Amino acid sequence: MLTRELPCRDRRLTLGHRPLIVGILNVTDDSFFDGGQHNSLPAAVSHARLLIAEGASVIDVGGQSTRPGYVEVSPDEEIRRVVPVIRELVRHTAVPVSIDTYHPSVARAALEAGAHIVNDIHGLQRDPLMASVIASSGAAAILMHNDPSFRDSTDDVIASIKNFLTRTLDLAAHAGLDPSRIILDPGIGFGKTQPQNLAILARLSELHTLGHPLLLGVSRKSVISHVLDLPPDERLEGTLALTALAVSQGVQLHRVHDVLANHCAALMAAALRAAR
């Protein structure tokens, strides 16, 4: 597989040599799986170091839960939660640090604290300022499909995702965001029915025609529960199956809670893909 460098301000990600794991670090009270576990500075930093030791190539810090039925916190509260953690991680770890937010003010504060990537679950389409905040910083961007009308659509799921993400890429280009710094995410579980989620997961390889690296975020999500009827703390095996499936389809980045297990599953799947 061809390799490429993805610039993230003063750090780099090498894509294509092996699948990369993005470790989830939620500093929230109410995230669906790990809410409240890492919402002090010492606990957050300790967990991030564990994730890096287990194989994480990026740490994605979030101060706002986006689980189904989430309650939105203010941007000021989000900043209070994430900025001290980001500042500490940038000082004392070598991997890129991502901020998971859809508020431009939070992204700006995180970038001022040293964050290298902005992970926007609305793909630049919620707030017109987000694209320019990222573009002017030199940061990389993870841009997700999240279309409120998607659930009720009868259009082909991949065609619809491509149309949405093409609009996202147009916004990025208009703001001057370097295309070499963009990663795309199909947004599994965001405004999608179970059949739509499964259809997307079965056809991830078709999204490569957009010309950007792909990230998949399925860790312990309800798409697994709908098949296995298990609570979040029993969905690891389902997550590993989906990670391996995504690697077999060439997905380069995998956003997960359980880094070590997914890292091993991803490397095994990548070895089989290379042999094939």
C-alpha atoms as a PDB file:
ATOM      1  CA  MET A   1       0.000   0.000   0.000  1.00  0.00           C
ATOM      2  CA  LEU A   2       1.242   3.488  -0.835  1.00  0.00           C
ATOM      3  CA  THR A   3       2.246   5.639   2.115  1.00  0.00           C
ATOM      4  CA  ARG A   4       1.773   9.358   2.573  1.00  0.00           C
ATOM      5  CA  GLU A   5       2.513  11.948   5.224  1.00  0.00           C
ATOM      6  CA  LEU A   6      -0.376  13.867   6.736  1.00  0.00           C
ATOM      7  CA  PRO A   7       0.849  17.137   8.283  1.00  0.00           C
ATOM      8  CA  CYS A   8      -0.609  18.093  11.679  1.00  0.00           C
ATOM      9  CA  ARG A   9       1.067  21.416  12.476  1.00  0.00           C
ATOM     10  CA  ASP A  10       4.510  20.441  13.884  1.00  0.00           C
ATOM     11  CA  ARG A  11       3.770  16.694  13.866  1.00  0.00           C
ATOM     12  CA  ARG A  12       3.128  14.111  11.142  1.00  0.00           C
ATOM     13  CA  LEU A  13       1.062  10.999  10.647  1.00  0.00           C
ATOM     14  CA  THR A  14       2.313   8.348   8.241  1.00  0.00           C
ATOM     15  CA  LEU A  15      -0.678   6.776   6.523  1.00  0.00           C
ATOM     16  CA  GLY A  16      -0.671   3.547   4.562  1.00  0.00           C
ATOM     17  CA  HIS A  17       2.224   1.714   6.196  1.00  0.00           C
ATOM     18  CA  ARG A  18      -0.096   0.287   8.850  1.00  0.00           C
ATOM     19  CA  PRO A  19      -3.554   1.142  10.222  1.00  0.00           C
ATOM     20  CA  LEU A  20      -3.473   3.864  12.866  1.00  0.00           C
ATOM     21  CA  ILE A  21      -5.406   3.837  16.108  1.00  0.00           C
ATOM     22  CA  VAL A  22      -6.995   7.034  17.448  1.00  0.00           C
ATOM     23  CA  GLY A  23      -7.464   6.678  21.200  1.00  0.00           C
ATOM     24  CA  ILE A  24     -10.629   8.197  22.671  1.00  0.00           C
ATOM     25  CA  LEU A  25     -10.147  10.402  25.729  1.00  0.00           C
ATOM     26  CA  ASN A  26     -13.479  11.693  27.002  1.00  0.00           C
ATOM     27  CA  VAL A  27     -13.261  14.298  29.758  1.00  0.00           C
ATOM     28  CA  THR A  28     -17.026  14.290  30.240  1.00  0.00           C
ATOM     29  CA  ASP A  29     -19.557  13.195  32.837  1.00  0.00           C
ATOM     30  CA  ASP A  30     -21.982  11.511  30.456  1.00  0.00           C
ATOM     31  CA  SER A  31     -20.269   9.785  27.521  1.00  0.00           C
ATOM     32  CA  PHE A  32     -22.077   6.531  26.790  1.00  0.00           C
ATOM     33  CA  PHE A  33     -19.206   4.193  27.717  1.00  0.00           C
ATOM     34  CA  ASP A  34     -16.600   5.970  29.826  1.00  0.00           C
ATOM     35  CA  GLY A  35     -18.331   9.105  31.120  1.00  0.00           C
ATOM     36  CA  GLY A  36     -16.864  10.326  34.394  1.00  0.00           C
ATOM     37  CA  GLN A  37     -13.825   8.052  34.338  1.00  0.00           C
ATOM     38  CA  HIS A  38     -11.248  10.540  33.042  1.00  0.00           C
ATOM     39  CA  ASN A  39     -12.651  13.979  33.875  1.00  0.00           C
ATOM     40  CA  SER A  40      -9.864  15.104  36.203  1.00  0.00           C
ATOM     41  CA  LEU A  41      -6.548  16.287  34.824  1.00  0.00           C
ATOM     42  CA  PRO A  42      -4.413  13.541  36.451  1.00  0.00           C
ATOM     43  CA  ALA A  43      -6.854  10.805  35.392  1.00  0.00           C
ATOM     44  CA  ALA A  44      -7.049  12.120  31.827  1.00  0.00           C
ATOM     45  CA  VAL A  45      -3.282  12.392  31.391  1.00  0.00           C
ATOM     46  CA  SER A  46      -2.707   8.967  32.942  1.00  0.00           C
ATOM     47  CA  HIS A  47      -5.250   7.364  30.628  1.00  0.00           C
ATOM     48  CA  ALA A  48      -3.797   9.096  27.569  1.00  0.00           C
ATOM     49  CA  ARG A  49      -0.343   7.761  28.424  1.00  0.00           C
ATOM     50  CA  LEU A  50      -1.811   4.261  28.741  1.00  0.00           C
ATOM     51  CA  LEU A  51      -3.490   4.572  25.340  1.00  0.00           C
ATOM     52  CA  ILE A  52      -0.219   5.681  23.759  1.00  0.00           C
ATOM     53  CA  ALA A  53       1.664   2.794  25.386  1.00  0.00           C
ATOM     54  CA  GLU A  54      -0.953   0.418  23.953  1.00  0.00           C
ATOM     55  CA  GLY A  55      -0.442   1.715  20.408  1.00  0.00           C
ATOM     56  CA  ALA A  56      -2.474   4.897  19.899  1.00  0.00           C
ATOM     57  CA  SER A  57      -1.056   7.161  17.182  1.00  0.00           C
ATOM     58  CA  VAL A  58      -3.442  10.031  18.035  1.00  0.00           C
ATOM     59  CA  ILE A  59      -5.277  11.028  21.216  1.00  0.00           C
ATOM     60  CA  ASP A  60      -8.735  12.508  20.549  1.00  0.00           C
ATOM     61  CA  VAL A  61      -9.884  14.676  23.472  1.00  0.00           C
ATOM     62  CA  GLY A  62     -13.585  15.401  23.866  1.00  0.00           C
ATOM     63  CA  GLY A  63     -15.368  17.605  26.390  1.00  0.00           C
ATOM     64  CA  GLN A  64     -18.891  17.253  24.967  1.00  0.00           C
ATOM     65  CA  SER A  65     -20.703  13.926  24.800  1.00  0.00           C
ATOM     66  CA  THR A  66     -22.485  13.289  21.494  1.00  0.00           C
ATOM     67  CA  ARG A  67     -24.175  10.049  22.545  1.00  0.00           C
ATOM     68  CA  PRO A  68     -27.873   9.680  21.604  1.00  0.00           C
ATOM     69  CA  GLY A  69     -29.920  12.107  23.694  1.00  0.00           C
ATOM     70  CA  TYR A  70     -26.885  14.084  24.851  1.00  0.00           C
ATOM     71  CA  VAL A  71     -27.239  17.395  26.679  1.00  0.00           C
ATOM     72  CA  GLU A  72     -25.153  20.155  25.127  1.00  0.00           C
ATOM     73  CA  VAL A  73     -22.722  21.980  27.396  1.00  0.00           C
ATOM     74  CA  SER A  74     -21.631  25.562  26.782  1.00  0.00           C
ATOM     75  CA  PRO A  75     -18.471  26.260  24.784  1.00  0.00           C
ATOM     76  CA  ASP A  76     -16.959  27.840  27.902  1.00  0.00           C
ATOM     77  CA  GLU A  77     -17.530  24.645  29.886  1.00  0.00           C
ATOM     78  CA  GLU A  78     -16.114  22.572  27.043  1.00  0.00           C
ATOM     79  CA  ILE A  79     -13.009  24.764  26.988  1.00  0.00           C
ATOM     80  CA  ARG A  80     -12.637  24.431  30.758  1.00  0.00           C
ATOM     81  CA  ARG A  81     -12.669  20.661  30.419  1.00  0.00           C
ATOM     82  CA  VAL A  82     -10.359  20.154  27.457  1.00  0.00           C
ATOM     83  CA  VAL A  83      -7.740  22.909  27.390  1.00  0.00           C
ATOM     84  CA  PRO A  84      -5.732  21.872  30.506  1.00  0.00           C
ATOM     85  CA  VAL A  85      -5.652  18.270  29.260  1.00  0.00           C
ATOM     86  CA  ILE A  86      -4.553  19.243  25.757  1.00  0.00           C
ATOM     87  CA  ARG A  87      -1.886  21.586  27.078  1.00  0.00           C
ATOM     88  CA  GLU A  88      -0.463  18.836  29.284  1.00  0.00           C
ATOM     89  CA  LEU A  89      -0.541  16.178  26.547  1.00  0.00           C
ATOM     90  CA  VAL A  90       1.169  18.444  24.016  1.00  0.00           C
ATOM     91  CA  ARG A  91       3.956  19.162  26.497  1.00  0.00           C
ATOM     92  CA  HIS A  92       4.584  15.588  27.574  1.00  0.00           C
ATOM     93  CA  THR A  93       3.626  13.232  24.722  1.00  0.00           C
ATOM     94  CA  ALA A  94       4.891  12.831  21.170  1.00  0.00           C
ATOM     95  CA  VAL A  95       1.709  11.863  19.305  1.00  0.00           C
ATOM     96  CA  PRO A  96      -0.681  14.359  17.698  1.00  0.00           C
ATOM     97  CA  VAL A  97      -3.532  15.527  19.921  1.00  0.00           C
ATOM     98  CA  SER A  98      -6.990  16.010  18.442  1.00  0.00           C
ATOM     99  CA  ILE A  99      -9.876  18.101  19.781  1.00  0.00           C
ATOM    100  CA  ASP A 100     -13.330  16.600  19.225  1.00  0.00           C
ATOM    101  CA  THR A 101     -15.627  19.625  18.956  1.00  0.00           C
ATOM    102  CA  TYR A 102     -18.083  21.356  16.646  1.00  0.00           C
ATOM    103  CA  HIS A 103     -17.713  24.821  18.216  1.00  0.00           C
ATOM    104  CA  PRO A 104     -15.198  27.154  16.519  1.00  0.00           C
ATOM    105  CA  SER A 105     -14.445  28.889  19.842  1.00  0.00           C
ATOM    106  CA  VAL A 106     -13.531  25.552  21.448  1.00  0.00           C
ATOM    107  CA  ALA A 107     -11.435  24.565  18.430  1.00  0.00           C
ATOM    108  CA  ARG A 108      -9.599  27.902  18.589  1.00  0.00           C
ATOM    109  CA  ALA A 109      -8.873  27.534  22.313  1.00  0.00           C
ATOM    110  CA  ALA A 110      -7.694  23.953  21.825  1.00  0.00           C
ATOM    111  CA  LEU A 111      -5.433  24.987  18.961  1.00  0.00           C
ATOM    112  CA  GLU A 112      -3.985  27.795  21.074  1.00  0.00           C
ATOM    113  CA  ALA A 113      -3.244  25.121  23.704  1.00  0.00           C
ATOM    114  CA  GLY A 114      -1.329  23.173  21.044  1.00  0.00           C
ATOM    115  CA  ALA A 115      -3.831  20.721  19.522  1.00  0.00           C
ATOM    116  CA  HIS A 116      -2.795  19.337  16.146  1.00  0.00           C
ATOM    117  CA  ILE A 117      -6.127  18.090  14.721  1.00  0.00           C
ATOM    118  CA  VAL A 118      -9.745  19.267  14.862  1.00  0.00           C
ATOM    119  CA  ASN A 119     -12.374  16.521  14.743  1.00  0.00           C
ATOM    120  CA  ASP A 120     -15.675  18.114  13.647  1.00  0.00           C
ATOM    121  CA  ILE A 121     -18.694  15.793  13.735  1.00  0.00           C
ATOM    122  CA  HIS A 122     -20.638  18.194  11.520  1.00  0.00           C
ATOM    123  CA  GLY A 123     -18.110  18.257   8.693  1.00  0.00           C
ATOM    124  CA  LEU A 124     -17.779  22.087   8.702  1.00  0.00           C
ATOM    125  CA  GLN A 125     -21.506  22.421   7.923  1.00  0.00           C
ATOM    126  CA  ARG A 126     -22.840  23.536  11.323  1.00  0.00           C
ATOM    127  CA  ASP A 127     -20.843  26.745  11.752  1.00  0.00           C
ATOM    128  CA  PRO A 128     -19.250  28.605   8.819  1.00  0.00           C
ATOM    129  CA  LEU A 129     -16.377  29.809  11.034  1.00  0.00           C
ATOM    130  CA  MET A 130     -15.007  26.318  11.692  1.00  0.00           C
ATOM    131  CA  ALA A 131     -13.326  25.918   8.307  1.00  0.00           C
ATOM    132  CA  SER A 132     -11.381  29.182   8.602  1.00  0.00           C
ATOM    133  CA  VAL A 133     -10.341  28.443  12.216  1.00  0.00           C
ATOM    134  CA  ILE A 134      -8.788  25.157  11.114  1.00  0.00           C
ATOM    135  CA  ALA A 135      -7.328  26.525   7.888  1.00  0.00           C
ATOM    136  CA  SER A 136      -5.515  29.410   9.563  1.00  0.00           C
ATOM    137  CA  SER A 137      -3.955  27.167  12.225  1.00  0.00           C
ATOM    138  CA  GLY A 138      -2.133  24.651  10.063  1.00  0.00           C
ATOM    139  CA  ALA A 139      -3.967  21.849  11.877  1.00  0.00           C
ATOM    140  CA  ALA A 140      -5.330  18.716  10.254  1.00  0.00           C
ATOM    141  CA  ALA A 141      -9.076  18.049  10.190  1.00  0.00           C
ATOM    142  CA  ILE A 142     -11.293  15.005  10.654  1.00  0.00           C
ATOM    143  CA  LEU A 143     -14.562  15.861   8.922  1.00  0.00           C
ATOM    144  CA  MET A 144     -17.598  13.666   9.495  1.00  0.00           C
ATOM    145  CA  HIS A 145     -20.807  12.964   7.626  1.00  0.00           C
ATOM    146  CA  ASN A 146     -23.738  14.051   9.800  1.00  0.00           C
ATOM    147  CA  ASP A 147     -26.833  14.883   7.762  1.00  0.00           C
ATOM    148  CA  PRO A 148     -30.166  15.265   9.634  1.00  0.00           C
ATOM    149  CA  SER A 149     -32.129  14.272   6.518  1.00  0.00           C
ATOM    150  CA  PHE A 150     -30.132  11.102   5.868  1.00  0.00           C
ATOM    151  CA  ARG A 151     -32.236   8.759   8.038  1.00  0.00           C
ATOM    152  CA  ASP A 152     -35.367   9.380   5.957  1.00  0.00           C
ATOM    153  CA  SER A 153     -33.631   9.329   2.584  1.00  0.00           C
ATOM    154  CA  THR A 154     -34.256   6.583   0.047  1.00  0.00           C
ATOM    155  CA  ASP A 155     -31.127   7.487  -1.944  1.00  0.00           C
ATOM    156  CA  ASP A 156     -28.117   5.201  -2.147  1.00  0.00           C
ATOM    157  CA  VAL A 157     -26.251   5.530   1.145  1.00  0.00           C
ATOM    158  CA  ILE A 158     -22.761   5.864  -0.322  1.00  0.00           C
ATOM    159  CA  ALA A 159     -23.876   8.352  -2.970  1.00  0.00           C
ATOM    160  CA  SER A 160     -25.562  10.458  -0.275  1.00  0.00           C
ATOM    161  CA  ILE A 161     -22.468  10.418   1.945  1.00  0.00           C
ATOM    162  CA  LYS A 162     -20.291  11.394  -1.001  1.00  0.00           C
ATOM    163  CA  ASN A 163     -22.589  14.306  -1.851  1.00  0.00           C
ATOM    164  CA  PHE A 164     -22.496  15.613   1.736  1.00  0.00           C
ATOM    165  CA  LEU A 165     -18.730  15.230   2.050  1.00  0.00           C
ATOM    166  CA  THR A 166     -18.194  16.879  -1.331  1.00  0.00           C
ATOM    167  CA  ARG A 167     -19.969  19.947   0.074  1.00  0.00           C
ATOM    168  CA  THR A 168     -17.712  19.699   3.120  1.00  0.00           C
ATOM    169  CA  LEU A 169     -14.637  19.593   0.903  1.00  0.00           C
ATOM    170  CA  ASP A 170     -15.905  22.625  -1.027  1.00  0.00           C
ATOM    171  CA  LEU A 171     -16.207  24.557   2.249  1.00  0.00           C
ATOM    172  CA  ALA A 172     -12.693  23.500   3.196  1.00  0.00           C
ATOM    173  CA  ALA A 173     -11.292  24.596  -0.151  1.00  0.00           C
ATOM    174  CA  HIS A 174     -13.070  27.961   0.029  1.00  0.00           C
ATOM    175  CA  ALA A 175     -11.497  28.579   3.455  1.00  0.00           C
ATOM    176  CA  GLY A 176      -8.047  27.616   2.203  1.00  0.00           C
ATOM    177  CA  LEU A 177      -7.782  24.383   4.186  1.00  0.00           C
ATOM    178  CA  ASP A 178      -4.988  22.340   2.628  1.00  0.00           C
ATOM    179  CA  PRO A 179      -6.551  19.118   1.216  1.00  0.00           C
ATOM    180  CA  SER A 180      -3.471  17.142   2.295  1.00  0.00           C
ATOM    181  CA  ARG A 181      -4.565  17.739   5.913  1.00  0.00           C
ATOM    182  CA  ILE A 182      -8.114  16.341   5.593  1.00  0.00           C
ATOM    183  CA  ILE A 183      -9.424  13.004   6.891  1.00  0.00           C
ATOM    184  CA  LEU A 184     -13.035  11.933   6.237  1.00  0.00           C
ATOM    185  CA  ASP A 185     -15.379   9.958   8.501  1.00  0.00           C
ATOM    186  CA  PRO A 186     -18.657   8.341   7.314  1.00  0.00           C
ATOM    187  CA  GLY A 187     -20.268   9.020  10.711  1.00  0.00           C
ATOM    188  CA  ILE A 188     -21.554   5.608  11.724  1.00  0.00           C
ATOM    189  CA  GLY A 189     -24.414   6.004  14.215  1.00  0.00           C
ATOM    190  CA  PHE A 190     -25.061   9.691  13.558  1.00  0.00           C
ATOM    191  CA  GLY A 191     -28.570  10.150  12.150  1.00  0.00           C
ATOM    192  CA  LYS A 192     -28.603   6.741  10.493  1.00  0.00           C
ATOM    193  CA  THR A 193     -30.833   3.694  10.721  1.00  0.00           C
ATOM    194  CA  GLN A 194     -29.375   0.281  11.482  1.00  0.00           C
ATOM    195  CA  PRO A 195     -29.743  -0.926   7.865  1.00  0.00           C
ATOM    196  CA  GLN A 196     -28.006   2.252   6.686  1.00  0.00           C
ATOM    197  CA  ASN A 197     -25.145   1.762   9.162  1.00  0.00           C
ATOM    198  CA  LEU A 198     -24.639  -1.838   8.056  1.00  0.00           C
ATOM    199  CA  ALA A 199     -24.774  -0.931   4.370  1.00  0.00           C
ATOM    200  CA  ILE A 200     -22.114   1.758   4.871  1.00  0.00           C
ATOM    201  CA  LEU A 201     -19.865  -0.602   6.840  1.00  0.00           C
ATOM    202  CA  ALA A 202     -20.135  -3.195   4.072  1.00  0.00           C
ATOM    203  CA  ARG A 203     -19.189  -0.622   1.405  1.00  0.00           C
ATOM    204  CA  LEU A 204     -16.521   1.527   3.084  1.00  0.00           C
ATOM    205  CA  SER A 205     -14.059   0.913   0.263  1.00  0.00           C
ATOM    206  CA  GLU A 206     -16.279   2.918  -2.112  1.00  0.00           C
ATOM    207  CA  LEU A 207     -15.522   6.093  -0.140  1.00  0.00           C
ATOM    208  CA  HIS A 208     -11.858   6.019  -1.208  1.00  0.00           C
ATOM    209  CA  THR A 209     -12.889   7.702  -4.464  1.00  0.00           C
ATOM    210  CA  LEU A 210     -13.223  10.947  -2.471  1.00  0.00           C
ATOM    211  CA  GLY A 211      -9.421  10.985  -2.418  1.00  0.00           C
ATOM    212  CA  HIS A 212      -8.848  11.425   1.323  1.00  0.00           C
ATOM    213  CA  PRO A 213      -7.832   9.123   4.174  1.00  0.00           C
ATOM    214  CA  LEU A 214     -10.762   7.555   5.998  1.00  0.00           C
ATOM    215  CA  LEU A 215     -11.425   7.281   9.724  1.00  0.00           C
ATOM    216  CA  LEU A 216     -13.980   4.901  11.209  1.00  0.00           C
ATOM    217  CA  GLY A 217     -15.564   5.416  14.623  1.00  0.00           C
ATOM    218  CA  VAL A 218     -17.650   2.402  15.670  1.00  0.00           C
ATOM    219  CA  SER A 219     -16.184   1.621  19.083  1.00  0.00           C
ATOM    220  CA  ARG A 220     -18.858   0.009  21.319  1.00  0.00           C
ATOM    221  CA  LYS A 221     -21.649   1.816  19.431  1.00  0.00           C
ATOM    222  CA  SER A 222     -25.281   0.754  19.201  1.00  0.00           C
ATOM    223  CA  VAL A 223     -24.757  -0.589  15.669  1.00  0.00           C
ATOM    224  CA  ILE A 224     -23.161  -3.528  17.523  1.00  0.00           C
ATOM    225  CA  SER A 225     -25.935  -3.724  20.103  1.00  0.00           C
ATOM    226  CA  HIS A 226     -28.606  -3.997  17.407  1.00  0.00           C
ATOM    227  CA  VAL A 227     -26.936  -7.199  16.208  1.00  0.00           C
ATOM    228  CA  LEU A 228     -25.661  -8.721  19.459  1.00  0.00           C
ATOM    229  CA  ASP A 229     -28.108  -7.243  22.008  1.00  0.00           C
ATOM    230  CA  LEU A 230     -25.315  -6.322  24.413  1.00  0.00           C
ATOM    231  CA  PRO A 231     -24.647  -3.274  26.630  1.00  0.00           C
ATOM    232  CA  PRO A 232     -21.659  -0.985  25.900  1.00  0.00           C
ATOM    233  CA  ASP A 233     -19.291  -2.774  28.294  1.00  0.00           C
ATOM    234  CA  GLU A 234     -19.819  -6.062  26.404  1.00  0.00           C
ATOM    235  CA  ARG A 235     -19.324  -4.796  22.850  1.00  0.00           C
ATOM    236  CA  LEU A 236     -15.541  -5.196  22.504  1.00  0.00           C
ATOM    237  CA  GLU A 237     -15.700  -8.295  20.292  1.00  0.00           C
ATOM    238  CA  GLY A 238     -18.190  -6.619  17.964  1.00  0.00           C
ATOM    239  CA  THR A 239     -15.919  -3.579  17.773  1.00  0.00           C
ATOM    240  CA  LEU A 240     -12.927  -5.747  16.874  1.00  0.00           C
ATOM    241  CA  ALA A 241     -14.875  -7.427  14.079  1.00  0.00           C
ATOM    242  CA  LEU A 242     -15.768  -4.061  12.571  1.00  0.00           C
ATOM    243  CA  THR A 243     -12.209  -2.761  12.927  1.00  0.00           C
ATOM    244  CA  ALA A 244     -10.858  -5.792  11.067  1.00  0.00           C
ATOM    245  CA  LEU A 245     -13.535  -5.415   8.376  1.00  0.00           C
ATOM    246  CA  ALA A 246     -12.650  -1.746   7.915  1.00  0.00           C
ATOM    247  CA  VAL A 247      -8.921  -2.489   7.653  1.00  0.00           C
ATOM    248  CA  SER A 248      -9.674  -5.101   4.989  1.00  0.00           C
ATOM    249  CA  GLN A 249     -11.384  -2.305   3.031  1.00  0.00           C
ATOM    250  CA  GLY A 250      -8.403   0.022   3.323  1.00  0.00           C
ATOM    251  CA  VAL A 251      -9.632   2.336   6.102  1.00  0.00           C
ATOM    252  CA  GLN A 252      -6.522   3.987   7.536  1.00  0.00           C
ATOM    253  CA  LEU A 253      -7.601   5.321  10.960  1.00  0.00           C
ATOM    254  CA  HIS A 254      -9.754   3.751  13.662  1.00  0.00           C
ATOM    255  CA  ARG A 255     -11.150   5.747  16.595  1.00  0.00           C
ATOM    256  CA  VAL A 256     -11.597   3.429  19.591  1.00  0.00           C
ATOM    257  CA  HIS A 257     -11.812   3.167  23.366  1.00  0.00           C
ATOM    258  CA  ASP A 258      -9.867  -0.121  23.654  1.00  0.00           C
ATOM    259  CA  VAL A 259      -6.569   0.655  21.985  1.00  0.00           C
ATOM    260  CA  LEU A 260      -4.522  -2.483  22.587  1.00  0.00           C
ATOM    261  CA  ALA A 261      -7.162  -4.960  21.421  1.00  0.00           C
ATOM    262  CA  ASN A 262      -8.056  -2.911  18.340  1.00  0.00           C
ATOM    263  CA  HIS A 263      -4.384  -2.305  17.539  1.00  0.00           C
ATOM    264  CA  CYS A 264      -3.768  -6.062  17.481  1.00  0.00           C
ATOM    265  CA  ALA A 265      -6.897  -6.767  15.426  1.00  0.00           C
ATOM    266  CA  ALA A 266      -6.002  -4.019  12.952  1.00  0.00           C
ATOM    267  CA  LEU A 267      -2.429  -5.246  12.476  1.00  0.00           C
ATOM    268  CA  MET A 268      -3.616  -8.817  11.892  1.00  0.00           C
ATOM    269  CA  ALA A 269      -6.197  -7.676   9.356  1.00  0.00           C
ATOM    270  CA  ALA A 270      -3.582  -5.489   7.648  1.00  0.00           C
ATOM    271  CA  ALA A 271      -1.204  -8.462   7.324  1.00  0.00           C
ATOM    272  CA  LEU A 272      -3.930 -10.493   5.630  1.00  0.00           C
ATOM    273  CA  ARG A 273      -4.804  -7.579   3.337  1.00  0.00           C
ATOM    274  CA  ALA A 274      -1.142  -7.256   2.333  1.00  0.00           C
ATOM    275  CA  ALA A 275      -0.891 -11.007   1.675  1.00  0.00           C
ATOM    276  CA  ARG A 276      -4.012 -10.872  -0.484  1.00  0.00           C
END
